[in-house]
Amino acid sequence: MQAPEFSADWYRGITEFAHGTPSWVHSVAEVGTDAGLLLFAVLFVAGWWRARGGEARAMGLALAAPCAMVAAYLVSEVSKSFIQEERPCRAVAGAMNIAACPAPGDWSFPSNHATIAAGSAAAIVVAWRAMAPLVLPLAALMALSRVFVGVHYPHDVAAGFLVGVVVAPLVALVLVRLAVPVVTLVRGLPFGVILLGPSPAGAVAGAGMIPPGSARPGGARPGEVRPGASGAHAAPGAPDAGQAAQTMPDVMGGMGRHRRPHD
């Protein structure tokens, strides 16, 4: 595959600008792309720790996050092997790359770094939404840095970013359906409590169980007799609720129906 001309022009402009920056910026850009991946790994661990003792779904999402990132990476890597776009640091005449150009056969489209960064960020946001203002800009910066150091075209990192933010959340939401019953099961084992934390208080209570002394759905407590309730135990000799509901006019009316009219 040959890169689009507009992307090659953007690549030249960005790399020329990068060469004009101080040397310490070059070093930060080279180290930062890999250091950012390490930071995402730390956030995966932090998400697991945060979910310990929480609901099974929260723990399931925390465990699914790194797996979802790996799935996005595999989609990117397989795509590279089929598309086979040459790296710009070899294909563009006079390329001014800061980082060393990868070996031949290490294809350019899409960018694996961008996919991993975006997939990590998206999976973390699904499990831990409060991290979105941190991880999404970080992933975008890591993706752009691959163009800055001269090893990817802009369309490489755009495609890789798109693969990450689409594939990783979808995989995470599928995996969590499988993870929830596993988390619940493992938490019932001794080592499972150490790894995943205990189940939240009250999570194991049966749905239909009513604590002793608590109100029933009808509002009565165990042993309580409510006036007018059907089936309530009445005091000895007391009229039944149905009999008590019969009024004096009803009785008189019934007597009147049995009397013969005067001739």
C-alpha atoms as a PDB file:
ATOM      1  CA  MET A   1       0.000   0.000   0.000  1.00  0.00           C
ATOM      2  CA  GLN A   2       1.228   3.478  -0.856  1.00  0.00           C
ATOM      3  CA  ALA A   3       0.572   6.315   1.569  1.00  0.00           C
ATOM      4  CA  PRO A   4      -1.762   9.133   0.448  1.00  0.00           C
ATOM      5  CA  GLU A   5       0.098  12.208  -0.756  1.00  0.00           C
ATOM      6  CA  PHE A   6      -1.619  14.534   1.714  1.00  0.00           C
ATOM      7  CA  SER A   7      -0.464  12.353   4.609  1.00  0.00           C
ATOM      8  CA  ALA A   8       3.108  12.342   3.253  1.00  0.00           C
ATOM      9  CA  ASP A   9       2.998  16.155   3.078  1.00  0.00           C
ATOM     10  CA  TRP A  10       1.805  16.368   6.683  1.00  0.00           C
ATOM     11  CA  TYR A  11       4.528  13.942   7.680  1.00  0.00           C
ATOM     12  CA  ARG A  12       7.216  16.165   6.102  1.00  0.00           C
ATOM     13  CA  GLY A  13       5.860  19.259   7.816  1.00  0.00           C
ATOM     14  CA  ILE A  14       5.650  17.641  11.268  1.00  0.00           C
ATOM     15  CA  THR A  15       9.084  16.002  11.115  1.00  0.00           C
ATOM     16  CA  GLU A  16      10.721  19.209   9.878  1.00  0.00           C
ATOM     17  CA  PHE A  17       9.178  21.042  12.827  1.00  0.00           C
ATOM     18  CA  ALA A  18      10.344  18.275  15.179  1.00  0.00           C
ATOM     19  CA  HIS A  19      13.949  18.621  13.962  1.00  0.00           C
ATOM     20  CA  GLY A  20      13.862  22.292  14.866  1.00  0.00           C
ATOM     21  CA  THR A  21      13.014  21.601  18.519  1.00  0.00           C
ATOM     22  CA  PRO A  22      15.694  21.240  21.250  1.00  0.00           C
ATOM     23  CA  SER A  23      17.396  17.880  21.713  1.00  0.00           C
ATOM     24  CA  TRP A  24      15.735  17.311  25.086  1.00  0.00           C
ATOM     25  CA  VAL A  25      12.357  17.438  23.345  1.00  0.00           C
ATOM     26  CA  HIS A  26      13.556  14.684  21.023  1.00  0.00           C
ATOM     27  CA  SER A  27      14.506  12.545  24.008  1.00  0.00           C
ATOM     28  CA  VAL A  28      11.195  13.158  25.751  1.00  0.00           C
ATOM     29  CA  ALA A  29       9.284  12.260  22.604  1.00  0.00           C
ATOM     30  CA  GLU A  30      11.226   9.015  22.101  1.00  0.00           C
ATOM     31  CA  VAL A  31      10.957   7.903  25.722  1.00  0.00           C
ATOM     32  CA  GLY A  32       7.423   9.198  26.168  1.00  0.00           C
ATOM     33  CA  THR A  33       5.824   6.846  23.655  1.00  0.00           C
ATOM     34  CA  ASP A  34       6.978   3.806  25.626  1.00  0.00           C
ATOM     35  CA  ALA A  35       6.670   5.439  29.062  1.00  0.00           C
ATOM     36  CA  GLY A  36       3.017   6.163  28.311  1.00  0.00           C
ATOM     37  CA  LEU A  37       2.369   2.471  27.729  1.00  0.00           C
ATOM     38  CA  LEU A  38       3.912   1.746  31.120  1.00  0.00           C
ATOM     39  CA  LEU A  39       1.609   4.316  32.710  1.00  0.00           C
ATOM     40  CA  PHE A  40      -1.405   2.567  31.207  1.00  0.00           C
ATOM     41  CA  ALA A  41      -0.181  -0.712  32.698  1.00  0.00           C
ATOM     42  CA  VAL A  42      -0.039   0.973  36.106  1.00  0.00           C
ATOM     43  CA  LEU A  43      -3.598   2.261  35.611  1.00  0.00           C
ATOM     44  CA  PHE A  44      -4.788  -1.265  34.799  1.00  0.00           C
ATOM     45  CA  VAL A  45      -3.403  -2.424  38.148  1.00  0.00           C
ATOM     46  CA  ALA A  46      -4.934   0.586  39.911  1.00  0.00           C
ATOM     47  CA  GLY A  47      -8.312  -0.210  38.363  1.00  0.00           C
ATOM     48  CA  TRP A  48      -8.101  -3.805  39.612  1.00  0.00           C
ATOM     49  CA  TRP A  49      -7.217  -2.607  43.122  1.00  0.00           C
ATOM     50  CA  ARG A  50     -10.033  -0.055  43.075  1.00  0.00           C
ATOM     51  CA  ALA A  51     -12.581  -2.740  42.098  1.00  0.00           C
ATOM     52  CA  ARG A  52     -11.604  -5.126  44.940  1.00  0.00           C
ATOM     53  CA  GLY A  53     -14.588  -5.531  47.225  1.00  0.00           C
ATOM     54  CA  GLY A  54     -16.888  -3.796  44.742  1.00  0.00           C
ATOM     55  CA  GLU A  55     -19.638  -5.233  42.610  1.00  0.00           C
ATOM     56  CA  ALA A  56     -18.818  -8.209  40.418  1.00  0.00           C
ATOM     57  CA  ARG A  57     -19.427  -6.172  37.248  1.00  0.00           C
ATOM     58  CA  ALA A  58     -16.949  -3.485  38.319  1.00  0.00           C
ATOM     59  CA  MET A  59     -14.292  -6.132  38.932  1.00  0.00           C
ATOM     60  CA  GLY A  60     -15.203  -7.837  35.656  1.00  0.00           C
ATOM     61  CA  LEU A  61     -14.639  -4.600  33.717  1.00  0.00           C
ATOM     62  CA  ALA A  62     -11.331  -4.005  35.492  1.00  0.00           C
ATOM     63  CA  LEU A  63     -10.134  -7.487  34.541  1.00  0.00           C
ATOM     64  CA  ALA A  64     -11.461  -7.192  30.988  1.00  0.00           C
ATOM     65  CA  ALA A  65      -9.691  -3.871  30.311  1.00  0.00           C
ATOM     66  CA  PRO A  66      -6.190  -5.232  29.539  1.00  0.00           C
ATOM     67  CA  CYS A  67      -7.692  -8.135  27.575  1.00  0.00           C
ATOM     68  CA  ALA A  68      -9.672  -5.659  25.478  1.00  0.00           C
ATOM     69  CA  MET A  69      -6.492  -3.691  24.767  1.00  0.00           C
ATOM     70  CA  VAL A  70      -4.748  -6.875  23.613  1.00  0.00           C
ATOM     71  CA  ALA A  71      -7.683  -7.660  21.313  1.00  0.00           C
ATOM     72  CA  ALA A  72      -7.403  -4.201  19.717  1.00  0.00           C
ATOM     73  CA  TYR A  73      -3.656  -4.701  19.265  1.00  0.00           C
ATOM     74  CA  LEU A  74      -4.222  -8.047  17.515  1.00  0.00           C
ATOM     75  CA  VAL A  75      -6.656  -6.411  15.082  1.00  0.00           C
ATOM     76  CA  SER A  76      -4.025  -3.774  14.304  1.00  0.00           C
ATOM     77  CA  GLU A  77      -1.193  -6.275  13.922  1.00  0.00           C
ATOM     78  CA  VAL A  78      -3.161  -8.563  11.606  1.00  0.00           C
ATOM     79  CA  SER A  79      -4.198  -5.551   9.515  1.00  0.00           C
ATOM     80  CA  LYS A  80      -0.556  -4.482   9.146  1.00  0.00           C
ATOM     81  CA  SER A  81       0.439  -7.860   7.766  1.00  0.00           C
ATOM     82  CA  PHE A  82      -2.249  -7.659   5.061  1.00  0.00           C
ATOM     83  CA  ILE A  83      -1.888  -3.984   4.105  1.00  0.00           C
ATOM     84  CA  GLN A  84       1.952  -3.847   4.166  1.00  0.00           C
ATOM     85  CA  GLU A  85       2.531  -0.106   3.993  1.00  0.00           C
ATOM     86  CA  GLU A  86       6.205   0.895   4.058  1.00  0.00           C
ATOM     87  CA  ARG A  87       7.438   3.104   6.859  1.00  0.00           C
ATOM     88  CA  PRO A  88       7.705   6.797   5.957  1.00  0.00           C
ATOM     89  CA  CYS A  89      11.272   6.948   7.246  1.00  0.00           C
ATOM     90  CA  ARG A  90      12.170   4.739   4.233  1.00  0.00           C
ATOM     91  CA  ALA A  91       9.470   5.701   1.734  1.00  0.00           C
ATOM     92  CA  VAL A  92       9.657   9.512   1.977  1.00  0.00           C
ATOM     93  CA  ALA A  93      12.674  11.068   0.293  1.00  0.00           C
ATOM     94  CA  GLY A  94      14.792  13.054   2.744  1.00  0.00           C
ATOM     95  CA  ALA A  95      12.803  11.858   5.773  1.00  0.00           C
ATOM     96  CA  MET A  96      13.959  13.592   8.965  1.00  0.00           C
ATOM     97  CA  ASN A  97      13.110  10.975  11.557  1.00  0.00           C
ATOM     98  CA  ILE A  98      14.279  11.404  15.142  1.00  0.00           C
ATOM     99  CA  ALA A  99      13.800   7.789  16.222  1.00  0.00           C
ATOM    100  CA  ALA A 100      15.563   4.914  14.475  1.00  0.00           C
ATOM    101  CA  CYS A 101      13.577   3.586  11.539  1.00  0.00           C
ATOM    102  CA  PRO A 102      12.131   0.111  12.267  1.00  0.00           C
ATOM    103  CA  ALA A 103      13.514  -2.844  10.329  1.00  0.00           C
ATOM    104  CA  PRO A 104      12.085  -3.726   6.906  1.00  0.00           C
ATOM    105  CA  GLY A 105       8.960  -5.832   7.197  1.00  0.00           C
ATOM    106  CA  ASP A 106       7.777  -3.864  10.249  1.00  0.00           C
ATOM    107  CA  TRP A 107       4.886  -2.253   8.413  1.00  0.00           C
ATOM    108  CA  SER A 108       3.478   1.180   9.096  1.00  0.00           C
ATOM    109  CA  PHE A 109      -0.334   1.096   8.758  1.00  0.00           C
ATOM    110  CA  PRO A 110      -2.005   1.160  11.210  1.00  0.00           C
ATOM    111  CA  SER A 111       0.146   2.291  14.137  1.00  0.00           C
ATOM    112  CA  ASN A 112       0.319  -0.343  16.868  1.00  0.00           C
ATOM    113  CA  HIS A 113       1.435   2.254  19.420  1.00  0.00           C
ATOM    114  CA  ALA A 114      -1.615   4.386  18.666  1.00  0.00           C
ATOM    115  CA  THR A 115      -3.898   1.348  18.830  1.00  0.00           C
ATOM    116  CA  ILE A 116      -2.514   0.196  22.175  1.00  0.00           C
ATOM    117  CA  ALA A 117      -2.680   3.700  23.655  1.00  0.00           C
ATOM    118  CA  ALA A 118      -6.225   4.361  22.448  1.00  0.00           C
ATOM    119  CA  GLY A 119      -7.416   0.850  23.328  1.00  0.00           C
ATOM    120  CA  SER A 120      -5.980   1.129  26.836  1.00  0.00           C
ATOM    121  CA  ALA A 121      -7.560   4.530  27.362  1.00  0.00           C
ATOM    122  CA  ALA A 122     -10.974   3.459  26.044  1.00  0.00           C
ATOM    123  CA  ALA A 123     -11.049   0.249  28.115  1.00  0.00           C
ATOM    124  CA  ILE A 124     -10.045   2.174  31.245  1.00  0.00           C
ATOM    125  CA  VAL A 125     -12.808   4.734  30.643  1.00  0.00           C
ATOM    126  CA  VAL A 126     -15.406   1.967  30.332  1.00  0.00           C
ATOM    127  CA  ALA A 127     -14.332   0.596  33.722  1.00  0.00           C
ATOM    128  CA  TRP A 128     -13.419   3.909  35.403  1.00  0.00           C
ATOM    129  CA  ARG A 129     -15.075   6.931  33.796  1.00  0.00           C
ATOM    130  CA  ALA A 130     -13.416   9.486  36.050  1.00  0.00           C
ATOM    131  CA  MET A 131     -10.089   8.758  34.327  1.00  0.00           C
ATOM    132  CA  ALA A 132     -11.299   9.991  30.913  1.00  0.00           C
ATOM    133  CA  PRO A 133      -9.808  13.534  31.214  1.00  0.00           C
ATOM    134  CA  LEU A 134      -6.393  11.970  31.886  1.00  0.00           C
ATOM    135  CA  VAL A 135      -6.172   8.890  29.671  1.00  0.00           C
ATOM    136  CA  LEU A 136      -7.814  10.118  26.446  1.00  0.00           C
ATOM    137  CA  PRO A 137      -5.530  13.176  25.946  1.00  0.00           C
ATOM    138  CA  LEU A 138      -2.557  11.023  26.947  1.00  0.00           C
ATOM    139  CA  ALA A 139      -3.447   8.443  24.287  1.00  0.00           C
ATOM    140  CA  ALA A 140      -3.818  11.168  21.643  1.00  0.00           C
ATOM    141  CA  LEU A 141      -0.436  12.651  22.595  1.00  0.00           C
ATOM    142  CA  MET A 142       1.229   9.241  22.404  1.00  0.00           C
ATOM    143  CA  ALA A 143      -0.271   8.653  18.965  1.00  0.00           C
ATOM    144  CA  LEU A 144       0.921  12.007  17.620  1.00  0.00           C
ATOM    145  CA  SER A 145       4.385  11.442  19.044  1.00  0.00           C
ATOM    146  CA  ARG A 146       4.851   8.553  16.576  1.00  0.00           C
ATOM    147  CA  VAL A 147       4.601  11.057  13.728  1.00  0.00           C
ATOM    148  CA  PHE A 148       6.752  13.544  15.626  1.00  0.00           C
ATOM    149  CA  VAL A 149       9.654  11.078  15.894  1.00  0.00           C
ATOM    150  CA  GLY A 150       9.250  10.176  12.216  1.00  0.00           C
ATOM    151  CA  VAL A 151       8.220   6.509  12.221  1.00  0.00           C
ATOM    152  CA  HIS A 152       4.547   6.859  11.147  1.00  0.00           C
ATOM    153  CA  TYR A 153       2.381   8.848   8.766  1.00  0.00           C
ATOM    154  CA  PRO A 154      -0.478  10.873  10.294  1.00  0.00           C
ATOM    155  CA  HIS A 155      -3.076   8.539   8.740  1.00  0.00           C
ATOM    156  CA  ASP A 156      -1.309   5.578  10.389  1.00  0.00           C
ATOM    157  CA  VAL A 157      -1.876   6.938  13.881  1.00  0.00           C
ATOM    158  CA  ALA A 158      -5.414   8.139  13.076  1.00  0.00           C
ATOM    159  CA  ALA A 159      -6.391   4.644  11.924  1.00  0.00           C
ATOM    160  CA  GLY A 160      -4.670   3.004  14.894  1.00  0.00           C
ATOM    161  CA  PHE A 161      -6.439   5.358  17.306  1.00  0.00           C
ATOM    162  CA  LEU A 162      -9.792   4.554  15.705  1.00  0.00           C
ATOM    163  CA  VAL A 163      -9.177   0.805  15.964  1.00  0.00           C
ATOM    164  CA  GLY A 164      -8.341   1.179  19.657  1.00  0.00           C
ATOM    165  CA  VAL A 165     -11.348   3.286  20.673  1.00  0.00           C
ATOM    166  CA  VAL A 166     -13.793   1.067  18.760  1.00  0.00           C
ATOM    167  CA  VAL A 167     -12.508  -2.465  19.341  1.00  0.00           C
ATOM    168  CA  ALA A 168     -11.438  -2.240  22.988  1.00  0.00           C
ATOM    169  CA  PRO A 169     -14.768  -1.013  24.479  1.00  0.00           C
ATOM    170  CA  LEU A 170     -16.773  -3.538  22.455  1.00  0.00           C
ATOM    171  CA  VAL A 171     -14.547  -6.394  23.583  1.00  0.00           C
ATOM    172  CA  ALA A 172     -14.667  -5.190  27.202  1.00  0.00           C
ATOM    173  CA  LEU A 173     -18.480  -5.120  27.219  1.00  0.00           C
ATOM    174  CA  VAL A 174     -18.618  -8.635  25.772  1.00  0.00           C
ATOM    175  CA  LEU A 175     -16.014 -10.045  28.147  1.00  0.00           C
ATOM    176  CA  VAL A 176     -17.665  -8.584  31.243  1.00  0.00           C
ATOM    177  CA  ARG A 177     -20.741 -10.789  30.641  1.00  0.00           C
ATOM    178  CA  LEU A 178     -18.478 -13.811  30.957  1.00  0.00           C
ATOM    179  CA  ALA A 179     -16.411 -12.338  33.774  1.00  0.00           C
ATOM    180  CA  VAL A 180     -19.237 -11.513  36.223  1.00  0.00           C
ATOM    181  CA  PRO A 181     -20.217 -15.141  37.071  1.00  0.00           C
ATOM    182  CA  VAL A 182     -16.531 -16.101  37.228  1.00  0.00           C
ATOM    183  CA  VAL A 183     -15.789 -13.258  39.652  1.00  0.00           C
ATOM    184  CA  THR A 184     -18.741 -14.294  41.823  1.00  0.00           C
ATOM    185  CA  LEU A 185     -17.562 -17.900  41.826  1.00  0.00           C
ATOM    186  CA  VAL A 186     -13.906 -17.126  42.551  1.00  0.00           C
ATOM    187  CA  ARG A 187     -14.830 -14.783  45.401  1.00  0.00           C
ATOM    188  CA  GLY A 188     -16.356 -17.790  47.130  1.00  0.00           C
ATOM    189  CA  LEU A 189     -12.919 -19.433  47.307  1.00  0.00           C
ATOM    190  CA  PRO A 190     -10.258 -18.575  49.908  1.00  0.00           C
ATOM    191  CA  PHE A 191      -7.658 -17.357  47.415  1.00  0.00           C
ATOM    192  CA  GLY A 192     -10.368 -15.555  45.422  1.00  0.00           C
ATOM    193  CA  VAL A 193     -11.050 -13.162  48.278  1.00  0.00           C
ATOM    194  CA  ILE A 194      -7.356 -12.247  48.312  1.00  0.00           C
ATOM    195  CA  LEU A 195      -7.254 -11.614  44.559  1.00  0.00           C
ATOM    196  CA  LEU A 196     -10.646 -10.011  43.972  1.00  0.00           C
ATOM    197  CA  GLY A 197     -11.736  -8.883  47.424  1.00  0.00           C
ATOM    198  CA  PRO A 198     -14.936  -9.916  49.215  1.00  0.00           C
ATOM    199  CA  SER A 199     -18.389  -9.501  47.767  1.00  0.00           C
ATOM    200  CA  PRO A 200     -20.174  -6.273  48.780  1.00  0.00           C
ATOM    201  CA  ALA A 201     -22.218  -6.441  51.983  1.00  0.00           C
ATOM    202  CA  GLY A 202     -25.728  -7.758  51.310  1.00  0.00           C
ATOM    203  CA  ALA A 203     -24.889  -9.040  47.828  1.00  0.00           C
ATOM    204  CA  VAL A 204     -25.396 -12.672  48.901  1.00  0.00           C
ATOM    205  CA  ALA A 205     -28.761 -12.104  50.543  1.00  0.00           C
ATOM    206  CA  GLY A 206     -31.580 -13.934  48.806  1.00  0.00           C
ATOM    207  CA  ALA A 207     -33.913 -11.819  46.756  1.00  0.00           C
ATOM    208  CA  GLY A 208     -37.035 -13.152  48.487  1.00  0.00           C
ATOM    209  CA  MET A 209     -35.725 -13.364  52.057  1.00  0.00           C
ATOM    210  CA  ILE A 210     -37.238 -10.991  54.627  1.00  0.00           C
ATOM    211  CA  PRO A 211     -35.276 -10.357  57.852  1.00  0.00           C
ATOM    212  CA  PRO A 212     -37.011 -11.383  61.058  1.00  0.00           C
ATOM    213  CA  GLY A 213     -39.177  -8.633  62.532  1.00  0.00           C
ATOM    214  CA  SER A 214     -39.289  -6.611  59.323  1.00  0.00           C
ATOM    215  CA  ALA A 215     -42.491  -5.499  57.653  1.00  0.00           C
ATOM    216  CA  ARG A 216     -44.129  -7.815  55.154  1.00  0.00           C
ATOM    217  CA  PRO A 217     -45.263  -6.606  51.734  1.00  0.00           C
ATOM    218  CA  GLY A 218     -48.760  -6.087  53.135  1.00  0.00           C
ATOM    219  CA  GLY A 219     -47.367  -4.031  56.013  1.00  0.00           C
ATOM    220  CA  ALA A 220     -47.994  -6.554  58.795  1.00  0.00           C
ATOM    221  CA  ARG A 221     -45.299  -8.082  60.981  1.00  0.00           C
ATOM    222  CA  PRO A 222     -45.157 -11.806  61.765  1.00  0.00           C
ATOM    223  CA  GLY A 223     -47.896 -12.716  64.236  1.00  0.00           C
ATOM    224  CA  GLU A 224     -49.688  -9.372  63.797  1.00  0.00           C
ATOM    225  CA  VAL A 225     -53.457  -9.431  63.249  1.00  0.00           C
ATOM    226  CA  ARG A 226     -54.685  -6.583  61.096  1.00  0.00           C
ATOM    227  CA  PRO A 227     -58.339  -5.527  61.401  1.00  0.00           C
ATOM    228  CA  GLY A 228     -60.393  -6.596  58.415  1.00  0.00           C
ATOM    229  CA  ALA A 229     -57.626  -8.776  56.960  1.00  0.00           C
ATOM    230  CA  SER A 230     -58.795 -11.899  55.226  1.00  0.00           C
ATOM    231  CA  GLY A 231     -57.789 -15.041  57.056  1.00  0.00           C
ATOM    232  CA  ALA A 232     -56.816 -13.185  60.291  1.00  0.00           C
ATOM    233  CA  HIS A 233     -57.271 -15.091  63.550  1.00  0.00           C
ATOM    234  CA  ALA A 234     -60.232 -13.577  65.366  1.00  0.00           C
ATOM    235  CA  ALA A 235     -60.854 -13.729  69.091  1.00  0.00           C
ATOM    236  CA  PRO A 236     -63.112 -16.587  70.294  1.00  0.00           C
ATOM    237  CA  GLY A 237     -66.771 -15.713  69.899  1.00  0.00           C
ATOM    238  CA  ALA A 238     -66.136 -12.706  67.746  1.00  0.00           C
ATOM    239  CA  PRO A 239     -68.126 -12.459  64.501  1.00  0.00           C
ATOM    240  CA  ASP A 240     -66.410 -13.229  61.281  1.00  0.00           C
ATOM    241  CA  ALA A 241     -65.259 -10.236  59.243  1.00  0.00           C
ATOM    242  CA  GLY A 242     -67.811 -11.050  56.556  1.00  0.00           C
ATOM    243  CA  GLN A 243     -70.594 -11.263  59.143  1.00  0.00           C
ATOM    244  CA  ALA A 244     -69.540  -8.034  60.783  1.00  0.00           C
ATOM    245  CA  ALA A 245     -69.815  -6.286  57.443  1.00  0.00           C
ATOM    246  CA  GLN A 246     -73.584  -7.121  57.274  1.00  0.00           C
ATOM    247  CA  THR A 247     -75.553  -4.070  58.483  1.00  0.00           C
ATOM    248  CA  MET A 248     -78.930  -3.728  60.158  1.00  0.00           C
ATOM    249  CA  PRO A 249     -80.700  -2.457  56.993  1.00  0.00           C
ATOM    250  CA  ASP A 250     -79.552  -5.580  55.205  1.00  0.00           C
ATOM    251  CA  VAL A 251     -81.141  -7.722  57.912  1.00  0.00           C
ATOM    252  CA  MET A 252     -84.395  -5.773  57.931  1.00  0.00           C
ATOM    253  CA  GLY A 253     -84.530  -5.867  54.166  1.00  0.00           C
ATOM    254  CA  GLY A 254     -84.182  -9.602  54.208  1.00  0.00           C
ATOM    255  CA  MET A 255     -87.019  -9.934  56.728  1.00  0.00           C
ATOM    256  CA  GLY A 256     -89.226  -7.760  54.603  1.00  0.00           C
ATOM    257  CA  ARG A 257     -88.827 -10.045  51.636  1.00  0.00           C
ATOM    258  CA  HIS A 258     -90.248 -12.994  53.614  1.00  0.00           C
ATOM    259  CA  ARG A 259     -93.402 -11.156  54.840  1.00  0.00           C
ATOM    260  CA  ARG A 260     -96.620 -11.639  52.871  1.00  0.00           C
ATOM    261  CA  PRO A 261     -98.289  -8.447  51.704  1.00  0.00           C
ATOM    262  CA  HIS A 262    -101.655  -7.468  53.272  1.00  0.00           C
ATOM    263  CA  ASP A 263    -104.799  -8.467  51.286  1.00  0.00           C
END
